Amino acid sequence: MRRLLLLTLVALAAALVAGSRAVLDRQAALARRRIGKPLGEQSLDADRVWRPGLEGEPLDLLLLGDSLAAGLGAARRKETLGARLAKATARRLGQIGRASCRERG
């Protein structure tokens, strides 16, 4: 009897999760249609050498991730996550920094 009750509760929980996911997916699709993509689809190109005045071989930084890693939403190249990390690392190590940022997803 307890096993049947447990299986029923597990099935109910799974159905609730699946139903919630479907509702959230529909809401997200509706919101995207109404709002659009205010930040656009294109991110800034932050792939470059940062702090070229420093000495030594460039330190390569590869940043992989979502739209944040690609720099979507940044107003200028130097404000992207990759640029900020490359500049800070270069400054700290006293070495040229070269950033490559790629969006995956």
Protein backbone atom coordinates (compact mmCIF):
# COMPACT_ATOMS: atom_id res chain seq x y z
CA MET A 1 0.00 0.00 0.00
CA ARG A 2 2.82 2.41 0.88
CA ARG A 3 4.64 1.55 -2.32
CA LEU A 4 1.55 2.40 -4.39
CA LEU A 5 1.19 5.70 -2.54
CA LEU A 6 4.88 6.49 -3.11
CA LEU A 7 4.63 5.69 -6.82
CA THR A 8 1.53 7.85 -7.10
CA LEU A 9 3.28 10.77 -5.41
CA VAL A 10 6.33 10.40 -7.66
CA ALA A 11 4.12 10.30 -10.76
CA LEU A 12 2.24 13.40 -9.59
CA ALA A 13 5.49 15.26 -8.93
CA ALA A 14 6.82 14.32 -12.38
CA ALA A 15 3.60 15.47 -14.02
CA LEU A 16 3.72 18.74 -12.09
CA VAL A 17 7.31 19.40 -13.15
CA ALA A 18 6.58 18.56 -16.79
CA GLY A 19 3.45 20.72 -16.79
CA SER A 20 5.27 23.65 -15.18
CA ARG A 21 8.04 23.40 -17.75
CA ALA A 22 5.54 23.44 -20.61
CA VAL A 23 3.79 26.51 -19.18
CA LEU A 24 7.09 28.37 -18.70
CA ASP A 25 8.22 27.50 -22.23
CA ARG A 26 4.95 28.89 -23.67
CA GLN A 27 5.24 32.06 -21.58
CA ALA A 28 8.84 32.59 -22.70
CA ALA A 29 7.89 32.13 -26.36
CA LEU A 30 4.99 34.58 -26.01
CA ALA A 31 7.18 37.15 -24.26
CA ARG A 32 9.90 36.83 -26.93
CA ARG A 33 7.31 37.42 -29.67
CA ARG A 34 5.91 40.50 -27.93
CA ILE A 35 9.15 42.03 -26.70
CA GLY A 36 11.56 40.91 -29.39
CA LYS A 37 15.27 40.98 -28.70
CA PRO A 38 16.07 44.48 -27.44
CA LEU A 39 19.80 43.77 -27.34
CA GLY A 40 19.80 42.39 -30.86
CA GLU A 41 21.48 39.28 -32.12
CA GLN A 42 24.97 40.60 -32.76
CA SER A 43 27.51 40.97 -30.01
CA LEU A 44 30.53 43.23 -30.10
CA ASP A 45 33.77 41.81 -31.42
CA ALA A 46 36.08 41.85 -28.39
CA ASP A 47 38.67 39.52 -29.92
CA ARG A 48 41.84 41.54 -29.83
CA VAL A 49 45.08 42.19 -28.02
CA TRP A 50 44.63 44.16 -24.81
CA ARG A 51 47.41 46.11 -23.09
CA PRO A 52 49.79 45.94 -26.10
CA GLY A 53 52.22 48.28 -24.36
CA LEU A 54 53.24 45.56 -21.95
CA GLU A 55 56.17 43.28 -22.70
CA GLY A 56 56.40 39.60 -23.52
CA GLU A 57 54.39 37.10 -25.48
CA PRO A 58 50.63 37.62 -25.38
CA LEU A 59 48.74 35.59 -22.82
CA ASP A 60 45.81 33.96 -24.64
CA LEU A 61 42.42 33.94 -22.93
CA LEU A 62 39.60 31.92 -24.48
CA LEU A 63 36.19 32.65 -23.01
CA LEU A 64 33.40 30.24 -23.93
CA GLY A 65 29.84 30.66 -22.76
CA ASP A 66 26.47 32.17 -23.43
CA SER A 67 25.58 35.67 -24.59
CA LEU A 68 27.40 37.18 -21.60
CA ALA A 69 30.67 35.59 -22.72
CA ALA A 70 30.10 36.87 -26.26
CA GLY A 71 29.57 40.41 -24.97
CA LEU A 72 25.91 40.84 -25.86
CA GLY A 73 24.57 43.93 -24.14
CA ALA A 74 27.90 45.70 -23.76
CA ALA A 75 27.99 49.21 -25.19
CA ARG A 76 31.71 49.17 -26.03
CA ARG A 77 34.28 46.43 -26.72
CA LYS A 78 36.23 47.23 -23.60
CA GLU A 79 33.11 46.58 -21.47
CA THR A 80 32.71 42.94 -22.55
CA LEU A 81 33.52 40.21 -20.05
CA GLY A 82 36.39 38.88 -22.18
CA ALA A 83 37.98 42.29 -22.51
CA ARG A 84 37.67 43.03 -18.82
CA LEU A 85 39.21 39.68 -17.87
CA ALA A 86 42.01 40.00 -20.43
CA LYS A 87 42.88 43.55 -19.34
CA ALA A 88 42.81 42.72 -15.63
CA THR A 89 44.89 39.57 -16.09
CA ALA A 90 47.38 41.38 -18.32
CA ARG A 91 47.73 44.20 -15.81
CA ARG A 92 48.16 41.80 -12.91
CA LEU A 93 50.76 39.63 -14.66
CA GLY A 94 52.45 42.50 -16.49
CA GLN A 95 51.97 40.68 -19.78
CA ILE A 96 50.02 41.41 -22.98
CA GLY A 97 46.54 39.84 -22.98
CA ARG A 98 44.76 38.50 -26.05
CA ALA A 99 41.06 37.67 -25.72
CA SER A 100 38.94 35.38 -27.88
CA CYS A 101 35.27 35.22 -26.95
CA ARG A 102 32.83 32.66 -28.34
CA GLU A 103 29.14 32.21 -27.70
CA ARG A 104 27.82 28.70 -27.52
CA GLY A 105 24.18 28.04 -27.32
